[in-house]
């Protein structure tokens, strides 16, 4: 399995370069997430009572695992050990329909969106917390393994 990584470098001394905007001497705050990873399971699409399409996907990313001294190490097969993280991504409306129709498990995607935190009480009255990424854009970087869907949008 191939992995794809993108590196974005920002000059922390010049935040206005990152945001591109400045309001009366204040910097505009930004909530921006960019992930590149594989879809862990097939998308789940539903429709709200109001008719809004909602699709949820889980994107898995990995990074080199580190030991207690902070150094990377090899696994039993001689490869650099990896730590995986699973990210909940939610898409709405047209993006939800496209992701639900053309994405599937194993596909490499790039997601841009924002973090969204939620809090609720479960049936036992215990406070629960969650975090998800509300997607603004999903780029298909590969077709899913074994995909023969010729109607899918082209991949650049």
N, C-alpha and C. Protein backbone atom coordinates (compact mmCIF):
# COMPACT_ATOMS: atom_id res chain seq x y z
N UNK A 1 0.84 -1.17 0.00
CA UNK A 1 0.00 0.00 0.00
C UNK A 1 0.89 1.23 0.00
N UNK A 2 0.61 2.16 -0.91
CA UNK A 2 1.38 3.40 -0.98
C UNK A 2 0.76 4.43 -0.08
N UNK A 3 1.59 5.28 0.49
CA UNK A 3 1.05 6.40 1.26
C UNK A 3 1.49 7.69 0.58
N UNK A 4 0.70 8.71 0.76
CA UNK A 4 0.99 10.00 0.16
C UNK A 4 1.05 11.03 1.27
N UNK A 5 2.04 11.86 1.23
CA UNK A 5 2.19 12.87 2.26
C UNK A 5 2.41 14.22 1.60
N UNK A 6 1.83 15.23 2.18
CA UNK A 6 2.03 16.60 1.71
C UNK A 6 2.60 17.39 2.87
N UNK A 7 3.51 18.28 2.58
CA UNK A 7 4.12 19.10 3.61
C UNK A 7 3.83 20.55 3.29
N UNK A 8 3.23 21.25 4.24
CA UNK A 8 2.94 22.66 4.09
C UNK A 8 3.78 23.41 5.11
N UNK A 9 4.58 24.35 4.64
CA UNK A 9 5.42 25.14 5.53
C UNK A 9 4.87 26.55 5.61
N UNK A 10 4.67 27.03 6.83
CA UNK A 10 4.18 28.37 7.04
C UNK A 10 5.20 29.13 7.86
N UNK A 11 5.41 30.39 7.54
CA UNK A 11 6.31 31.24 8.30
C UNK A 11 5.55 31.81 9.48
N UNK A 12 5.83 31.32 10.68
CA UNK A 12 5.08 31.75 11.86
C UNK A 12 5.37 33.20 12.23
N UNK A 13 6.42 33.77 11.66
CA UNK A 13 6.72 35.18 11.93
C UNK A 13 5.84 36.10 11.12
N UNK A 14 5.19 35.58 10.09
CA UNK A 14 4.36 36.40 9.22
C UNK A 14 2.99 35.74 9.05
N UNK A 15 2.16 35.71 10.09
CA UNK A 15 0.87 35.04 9.99
C UNK A 15 -0.04 35.61 8.91
N UNK A 16 0.14 36.86 8.56
CA UNK A 16 -0.72 37.43 7.52
C UNK A 16 -0.52 36.74 6.18
N UNK A 17 0.65 36.14 5.97
CA UNK A 17 0.91 35.40 4.74
C UNK A 17 0.03 34.15 4.71
N UNK A 18 -0.17 33.53 5.87
CA UNK A 18 -0.98 32.32 5.95
C UNK A 18 -2.45 32.64 5.71
N UNK A 19 -2.99 33.60 6.43
CA UNK A 19 -4.42 33.90 6.31
C UNK A 19 -4.71 34.80 5.12
N UNK A 20 -3.76 35.64 4.75
CA UNK A 20 -3.96 36.57 3.65
C UNK A 20 -4.83 37.75 4.03
N UNK A 21 -5.33 37.76 5.25
CA UNK A 21 -6.23 38.83 5.68
C UNK A 21 -5.77 39.40 7.01
N UNK A 22 -6.03 40.66 7.19
CA UNK A 22 -5.71 41.32 8.45
C UNK A 22 -6.78 42.36 8.72
N UNK A 23 -7.32 42.37 9.91
CA UNK A 23 -8.40 43.31 10.23
C UNK A 23 -7.96 44.25 11.33
N UNK A 24 -7.73 45.53 10.98
CA UNK A 24 -7.40 46.58 11.95
C UNK A 24 -6.34 46.14 12.96
N UNK A 25 -5.22 45.65 12.47
CA UNK A 25 -4.11 45.27 13.35
C UNK A 25 -4.27 43.91 14.01
N UNK A 26 -5.40 43.24 13.80
CA UNK A 26 -5.63 41.92 14.38
C UNK A 26 -5.52 40.88 13.28
N UNK A 27 -5.07 39.71 13.65
CA UNK A 27 -5.01 38.62 12.69
C UNK A 27 -6.32 37.85 12.71
N UNK A 28 -6.78 37.46 11.54
CA UNK A 28 -7.99 36.67 11.43
C UNK A 28 -7.67 35.25 11.90
N UNK A 29 -8.50 34.70 12.78
CA UNK A 29 -8.29 33.34 13.26
C UNK A 29 -8.87 32.35 12.25
N UNK A 30 -8.27 31.18 12.18
CA UNK A 30 -8.66 30.20 11.17
C UNK A 30 -8.80 28.82 11.80
N UNK A 31 -9.82 28.08 11.38
CA UNK A 31 -10.02 26.69 11.77
C UNK A 31 -9.96 25.91 10.46
N UNK A 32 -8.81 25.37 10.15
CA UNK A 32 -8.59 24.69 8.87
C UNK A 32 -7.90 23.36 9.10
N UNK A 33 -8.46 22.31 8.51
CA UNK A 33 -7.88 20.98 8.61
C UNK A 33 -7.63 20.47 7.19
N UNK A 34 -6.45 19.89 6.97
CA UNK A 34 -6.14 19.24 5.70
C UNK A 34 -5.61 17.85 6.03
N UNK A 35 -6.28 16.82 5.53
CA UNK A 35 -5.88 15.43 5.76
C UNK A 35 -5.67 14.74 4.43
N UNK A 36 -4.69 13.87 4.37
CA UNK A 36 -4.55 12.97 3.24
C UNK A 36 -4.42 11.58 3.81
N UNK A 37 -5.33 10.70 3.43
CA UNK A 37 -5.31 9.34 3.95
C UNK A 37 -6.26 8.45 3.18
N UNK A 38 -6.42 7.24 3.69
CA UNK A 38 -7.29 6.26 3.04
C UNK A 38 -8.62 6.14 3.78
N UNK A 39 -9.67 5.88 3.03
CA UNK A 39 -10.98 5.67 3.63
C UNK A 39 -10.98 4.30 4.30
N UNK A 40 -11.32 4.28 5.59
CA UNK A 40 -11.22 3.06 6.38
C UNK A 40 -12.38 2.09 6.14
N UNK A 41 -13.55 2.60 5.81
CA UNK A 41 -14.72 1.76 5.51
C UNK A 41 -15.62 2.51 4.55
N UNK A 42 -16.53 1.79 3.93
CA UNK A 42 -17.40 2.42 2.95
C UNK A 42 -18.19 3.57 3.57
N UNK A 43 -18.45 4.62 2.80
CA UNK A 43 -19.20 5.78 3.29
C UNK A 43 -20.61 5.39 3.73
N UNK A 44 -21.13 6.13 4.71
CA UNK A 44 -22.51 5.95 5.16
C UNK A 44 -23.27 7.23 4.86
N UNK A 45 -24.30 7.12 4.03
CA UNK A 45 -25.07 8.28 3.61
C UNK A 45 -26.48 8.19 4.17
N UNK A 46 -26.99 9.34 4.61
CA UNK A 46 -28.36 9.42 5.10
C UNK A 46 -28.93 10.78 4.68
N UNK A 47 -30.21 10.94 4.92
CA UNK A 47 -30.85 12.21 4.62
C UNK A 47 -31.57 12.68 5.87
N UNK A 48 -31.44 13.98 6.18
CA UNK A 48 -32.11 14.54 7.35
C UNK A 48 -33.61 14.71 7.04
N UNK A 49 -34.38 14.97 8.07
CA UNK A 49 -35.82 15.21 7.89
C UNK A 49 -36.05 16.40 6.97
N UNK A 50 -35.12 17.36 6.98
CA UNK A 50 -35.23 18.54 6.12
C UNK A 50 -34.76 18.31 4.70
N UNK A 51 -34.27 17.11 4.38
CA UNK A 51 -33.85 16.79 3.02
C UNK A 51 -32.38 17.00 2.73
N UNK A 52 -31.57 17.30 3.74
CA UNK A 52 -30.14 17.49 3.54
C UNK A 52 -29.43 16.15 3.49
N UNK A 53 -28.61 15.93 2.47
CA UNK A 53 -27.81 14.72 2.39
C UNK A 53 -26.60 14.85 3.30
N UNK A 54 -26.31 13.79 4.06
CA UNK A 54 -25.17 13.76 4.98
C UNK A 54 -24.44 12.44 4.75
N UNK A 55 -23.12 12.52 4.50
CA UNK A 55 -22.31 11.32 4.33
C UNK A 55 -21.16 11.38 5.31
N UNK A 56 -20.95 10.28 6.00
CA UNK A 56 -19.84 10.15 6.93
C UNK A 56 -18.80 9.17 6.40
N UNK A 57 -17.55 9.57 6.49
CA UNK A 57 -16.45 8.66 6.15
C UNK A 57 -15.44 8.71 7.30
N UNK A 58 -14.64 7.69 7.36
CA UNK A 58 -13.53 7.65 8.31
C UNK A 58 -12.25 7.61 7.50
N UNK A 59 -11.39 8.60 7.72
CA UNK A 59 -10.11 8.67 7.01
C UNK A 59 -9.01 8.29 7.99
N UNK A 60 -8.17 7.33 7.57
CA UNK A 60 -7.07 6.89 8.43
C UNK A 60 -5.76 7.49 7.90
N UNK A 61 -5.01 8.09 8.81
CA UNK A 61 -3.69 8.61 8.49
C UNK A 61 -2.68 7.88 9.36
N UNK A 62 -1.44 7.87 8.94
CA UNK A 62 -0.42 7.25 9.79
C UNK A 62 0.82 8.12 9.84
N UNK A 63 1.62 7.84 10.85
CA UNK A 63 2.88 8.54 11.04
C UNK A 63 3.84 7.56 11.68
N UNK A 64 5.13 7.82 11.62
CA UNK A 64 6.09 6.89 12.23
C UNK A 64 5.86 6.78 13.74
N UNK A 65 5.83 5.54 14.24
CA UNK A 65 5.70 5.31 15.69
C UNK A 65 7.03 5.65 16.35
N UNK A 66 6.97 6.06 17.60
CA UNK A 66 8.18 6.43 18.34
C UNK A 66 8.24 5.67 19.65
N UNK A 67 9.45 5.33 20.07
CA UNK A 67 9.64 4.65 21.35
C UNK A 67 9.68 5.67 22.48
N UNK A 68 9.95 5.21 23.71
CA UNK A 68 9.92 6.11 24.87
C UNK A 68 10.98 7.20 24.80
N UNK A 69 12.01 6.99 23.97
CA UNK A 69 13.06 8.00 23.80
C UNK A 69 12.75 8.95 22.64
N UNK A 70 11.60 8.75 21.97
CA UNK A 70 11.21 9.62 20.87
C UNK A 70 11.81 9.24 19.53
N UNK A 71 12.39 8.04 19.44
CA UNK A 71 13.01 7.61 18.19
C UNK A 71 12.11 6.64 17.46
N UNK A 72 12.15 6.70 16.13
CA UNK A 72 11.39 5.74 15.34
C UNK A 72 12.06 4.38 15.44
N UNK A 73 11.29 3.33 15.14
CA UNK A 73 11.83 1.98 15.22
C UNK A 73 11.21 1.11 14.14
N UNK A 74 11.80 -0.05 13.92
CA UNK A 74 11.34 -0.98 12.88
C UNK A 74 10.40 -2.02 13.50
N UNK A 75 9.42 -2.47 12.70
CA UNK A 75 8.54 -3.55 13.15
C UNK A 75 9.19 -4.90 12.86
N UNK A 76 8.47 -5.98 13.14
CA UNK A 76 9.03 -7.33 12.97
C UNK A 76 9.36 -7.67 11.52
N UNK A 77 8.81 -6.91 10.56
CA UNK A 77 9.10 -7.14 9.13
C UNK A 77 10.20 -6.24 8.60
N UNK A 78 10.77 -5.39 9.46
CA UNK A 78 11.85 -4.51 9.04
C UNK A 78 11.41 -3.16 8.52
N UNK A 79 10.10 -2.89 8.55
CA UNK A 79 9.58 -1.60 8.11
C UNK A 79 9.46 -0.65 9.30
N UNK A 80 9.52 0.65 9.03
CA UNK A 80 9.32 1.62 10.09
C UNK A 80 7.92 1.43 10.67
N UNK A 81 7.83 1.25 11.98
CA UNK A 81 6.53 1.05 12.63
C UNK A 81 5.69 2.32 12.49
N UNK A 82 4.38 2.14 12.37
CA UNK A 82 3.46 3.26 12.17
C UNK A 82 2.42 3.31 13.28
N UNK A 83 2.00 4.52 13.62
CA UNK A 83 0.83 4.74 14.47
C UNK A 83 -0.25 5.29 13.56
N UNK A 84 -1.44 4.71 13.63
CA UNK A 84 -2.56 5.15 12.79
C UNK A 84 -3.55 5.94 13.61
N UNK A 85 -4.16 6.93 12.98
CA UNK A 85 -5.23 7.71 13.60
C UNK A 85 -6.43 7.69 12.67
N UNK A 86 -7.61 7.58 13.26
CA UNK A 86 -8.85 7.51 12.50
C UNK A 86 -9.62 8.81 12.73
N UNK A 87 -9.99 9.47 11.63
CA UNK A 87 -10.64 10.78 11.68
C UNK A 87 -12.05 10.67 11.11
N UNK A 88 -13.04 11.12 11.88
CA UNK A 88 -14.42 11.16 11.40
C UNK A 88 -14.59 12.40 10.53
N UNK A 89 -15.10 12.19 9.33
CA UNK A 89 -15.31 13.29 8.38
C UNK A 89 -16.78 13.28 7.98
N UNK A 90 -17.42 14.45 8.02
CA UNK A 90 -18.82 14.56 7.64
C UNK A 90 -18.95 15.53 6.47
N UNK A 91 -19.69 15.09 5.44
CA UNK A 91 -19.93 15.89 4.24
C UNK A 91 -21.42 16.18 4.13
N UNK A 92 -21.77 17.33 3.56
CA UNK A 92 -23.17 17.71 3.41
C UNK A 92 -23.52 18.01 1.97
N UNK A 93 -24.81 17.92 1.67
CA UNK A 93 -25.42 18.32 0.40
C UNK A 93 -24.78 17.64 -0.81
N UNK A 94 -24.37 18.41 -1.83
CA UNK A 94 -23.82 17.82 -3.05
C UNK A 94 -22.54 17.05 -2.81
N UNK A 95 -21.68 17.57 -1.93
CA UNK A 95 -20.44 16.86 -1.60
C UNK A 95 -20.77 15.52 -0.97
N UNK A 96 -21.79 15.48 -0.13
CA UNK A 96 -22.21 14.22 0.51
C UNK A 96 -22.66 13.21 -0.53
N UNK A 97 -23.41 13.66 -1.51
CA UNK A 97 -23.90 12.75 -2.56
C UNK A 97 -22.75 12.21 -3.39
N UNK A 98 -21.80 13.08 -3.76
CA UNK A 98 -20.67 12.65 -4.57
C UNK A 98 -19.78 11.66 -3.82
N UNK A 99 -19.44 11.98 -2.57
CA UNK A 99 -18.60 11.09 -1.76
C UNK A 99 -19.31 9.77 -1.53
N UNK A 100 -20.60 9.82 -1.22
CA UNK A 100 -21.37 8.60 -0.99
C UNK A 100 -21.44 7.70 -2.21
N UNK A 101 -21.50 8.31 -3.39
CA UNK A 101 -21.64 7.53 -4.62
C UNK A 101 -20.31 7.01 -5.16
N UNK A 102 -19.25 7.80 -5.07
CA UNK A 102 -18.01 7.46 -5.76
C UNK A 102 -16.86 7.01 -4.87
N UNK A 103 -16.99 7.13 -3.57
CA UNK A 103 -15.90 6.73 -2.68
C UNK A 103 -16.17 5.37 -2.06
N UNK A 104 -15.12 4.66 -1.73
CA UNK A 104 -15.27 3.38 -1.03
C UNK A 104 -13.99 3.07 -0.26
N UNK A 105 -14.09 2.05 0.55
CA UNK A 105 -12.99 1.63 1.42
C UNK A 105 -11.70 1.48 0.63
N UNK A 106 -10.61 2.00 1.20
CA UNK A 106 -9.29 1.85 0.60
C UNK A 106 -8.87 2.99 -0.30
N UNK A 107 -9.81 3.84 -0.68
CA UNK A 107 -9.50 4.93 -1.60
C UNK A 107 -8.69 6.01 -0.90
N UNK A 108 -7.69 6.55 -1.60
CA UNK A 108 -6.88 7.63 -1.09
C UNK A 108 -7.58 8.95 -1.40
N UNK A 109 -7.78 9.77 -0.35
CA UNK A 109 -8.46 11.05 -0.51
C UNK A 109 -7.72 12.14 0.23
N UNK A 110 -7.96 13.37 -0.20
CA UNK A 110 -7.49 14.54 0.52
C UNK A 110 -8.73 15.31 0.94
N UNK A 111 -8.81 15.64 2.23
CA UNK A 111 -9.98 16.31 2.78
C UNK A 111 -9.56 17.68 3.30
N UNK A 112 -10.35 18.70 2.96
CA UNK A 112 -10.17 20.03 3.55
C UNK A 112 -11.46 20.41 4.23
N UNK A 113 -11.34 20.94 5.44
CA UNK A 113 -12.54 21.32 6.17
C UNK A 113 -12.17 22.00 7.48
N UNK A 114 -13.05 21.85 8.47
CA UNK A 114 -12.80 22.47 9.77
C UNK A 114 -13.15 21.50 10.87
N UNK A 115 -12.53 21.70 12.04
CA UNK A 115 -12.83 20.89 13.21
C UNK A 115 -14.14 21.34 13.82
N UNK A 116 -14.92 20.36 14.29
CA UNK A 116 -16.18 20.66 14.96
C UNK A 116 -16.29 19.75 16.18
N UNK A 117 -16.49 20.36 17.34
CA UNK A 117 -16.60 19.61 18.60
C UNK A 117 -18.06 19.56 19.03
N UNK A 118 -18.48 18.42 19.59
CA UNK A 118 -19.84 18.28 20.08
C UNK A 118 -19.82 17.73 21.50
N UNK A 119 -20.91 17.98 22.21
CA UNK A 119 -21.08 17.48 23.58
C UNK A 119 -22.53 17.04 23.72
N UNK A 120 -22.76 15.89 24.35
CA UNK A 120 -24.11 15.40 24.58
C UNK A 120 -24.14 14.51 25.80
N UNK A 121 -25.33 14.20 26.23
CA UNK A 121 -25.51 13.27 27.35
C UNK A 121 -26.05 11.97 26.80
N UNK A 122 -25.44 10.85 27.19
CA UNK A 122 -25.94 9.55 26.74
C UNK A 122 -27.15 9.13 27.57
N UNK A 123 -27.69 7.96 27.27
CA UNK A 123 -28.91 7.50 27.95
C UNK A 123 -28.71 7.29 29.45
N UNK A 124 -27.46 7.17 29.91
CA UNK A 124 -27.16 7.02 31.33
C UNK A 124 -26.86 8.35 32.01
N UNK A 125 -27.00 9.46 31.27
CA UNK A 125 -26.77 10.77 31.84
C UNK A 125 -25.30 11.16 31.91
N UNK A 126 -24.44 10.42 31.23
CA UNK A 126 -23.00 10.70 31.23
C UNK A 126 -22.69 11.66 30.08
N UNK A 127 -21.91 12.72 30.38
CA UNK A 127 -21.51 13.65 29.33
C UNK A 127 -20.52 12.98 28.40
N UNK A 128 -20.77 13.10 27.13
CA UNK A 128 -19.89 12.55 26.09
C UNK A 128 -19.42 13.70 25.21
N UNK A 129 -18.25 13.52 24.61
CA UNK A 129 -17.67 14.53 23.76
C UNK A 129 -17.23 13.89 22.45
N UNK A 130 -17.29 14.65 21.38
CA UNK A 130 -16.86 14.14 20.09
C UNK A 130 -16.19 15.22 19.27
N UNK A 131 -15.43 14.78 18.30
CA UNK A 131 -14.75 15.70 17.39
C UNK A 131 -14.87 15.12 15.99
N UNK A 132 -15.18 15.96 15.02
CA UNK A 132 -15.26 15.53 13.64
C UNK A 132 -14.76 16.65 12.74
N UNK A 133 -14.51 16.30 11.51
CA UNK A 133 -14.11 17.28 10.51
C UNK A 133 -15.30 17.49 9.59
N UNK A 134 -15.75 18.73 9.48
CA UNK A 134 -16.82 19.07 8.54
C UNK A 134 -16.14 19.45 7.23
N UNK A 135 -16.31 18.62 6.23
CA UNK A 135 -15.57 18.76 4.97
C UNK A 135 -16.16 19.86 4.08
N UNK A 136 -15.25 20.66 3.52
CA UNK A 136 -15.60 21.63 2.49
C UNK A 136 -15.24 21.09 1.11
N UNK A 137 -14.23 20.20 1.09
CA UNK A 137 -13.70 19.70 -0.18
C UNK A 137 -13.13 18.30 0.05
N UNK A 138 -13.38 17.39 -0.87
CA UNK A 138 -12.78 16.06 -0.85
C UNK A 138 -12.24 15.80 -2.24
N UNK A 139 -10.93 15.61 -2.34
CA UNK A 139 -10.30 15.27 -3.62
C UNK A 139 -10.04 13.78 -3.66
N UNK A 140 -10.39 13.14 -4.77
CA UNK A 140 -10.14 11.72 -4.96
C UNK A 140 -8.73 11.58 -5.53
N UNK A 141 -7.83 10.98 -4.78
CA UNK A 141 -6.44 10.83 -5.23
C UNK A 141 -6.19 9.47 -5.86
N UNK A 142 -7.13 8.55 -5.68
CA UNK A 142 -7.05 7.24 -6.33
C UNK A 142 -8.46 6.70 -6.45
N UNK A 143 -8.59 5.67 -7.23
CA UNK A 143 -9.85 4.92 -7.24
C UNK A 143 -9.73 3.87 -6.15
N UNK A 144 -10.85 3.46 -5.63
CA UNK A 144 -10.82 2.42 -4.60
C UNK A 144 -10.28 1.13 -5.19
N UNK A 145 -9.67 0.32 -4.36
CA UNK A 145 -9.14 -0.97 -4.80
C UNK A 145 -10.25 -1.80 -5.41
N UNK A 146 -10.01 -2.30 -6.62
CA UNK A 146 -11.00 -3.14 -7.29
C UNK A 146 -12.15 -2.35 -7.89
N UNK A 147 -12.04 -1.03 -7.92
CA UNK A 147 -13.13 -0.21 -8.45
C UNK A 147 -13.19 -0.33 -9.96
N UNK A 148 -14.39 -0.60 -10.47
CA UNK A 148 -14.57 -0.61 -11.92
C UNK A 148 -15.62 0.42 -12.32
N UNK A 149 -15.83 1.42 -11.46
CA UNK A 149 -16.82 2.44 -11.72
C UNK A 149 -16.27 3.43 -12.75
N UNK A 150 -16.67 3.28 -13.98
CA UNK A 150 -16.19 4.13 -15.07
C UNK A 150 -16.89 5.49 -15.07
N UNK A 151 -17.97 5.62 -14.28
CA UNK A 151 -18.72 6.87 -14.25
C UNK A 151 -18.15 7.85 -13.21
N UNK A 152 -17.18 7.42 -12.42
CA UNK A 152 -16.61 8.27 -11.38
C UNK A 152 -15.91 9.47 -12.03
N UNK A 153 -15.88 10.61 -11.32
CA UNK A 153 -15.19 11.78 -11.86
C UNK A 153 -13.72 11.48 -12.12
N UNK A 154 -13.11 12.14 -13.12
CA UNK A 154 -11.71 11.87 -13.44
C UNK A 154 -10.79 12.28 -12.29
N UNK A 155 -9.67 11.59 -12.19
CA UNK A 155 -8.66 11.89 -11.18
C UNK A 155 -7.53 12.61 -11.86
N UNK A 156 -7.17 13.79 -11.34
CA UNK A 156 -6.08 14.58 -11.95
C UNK A 156 -4.75 13.91 -11.76
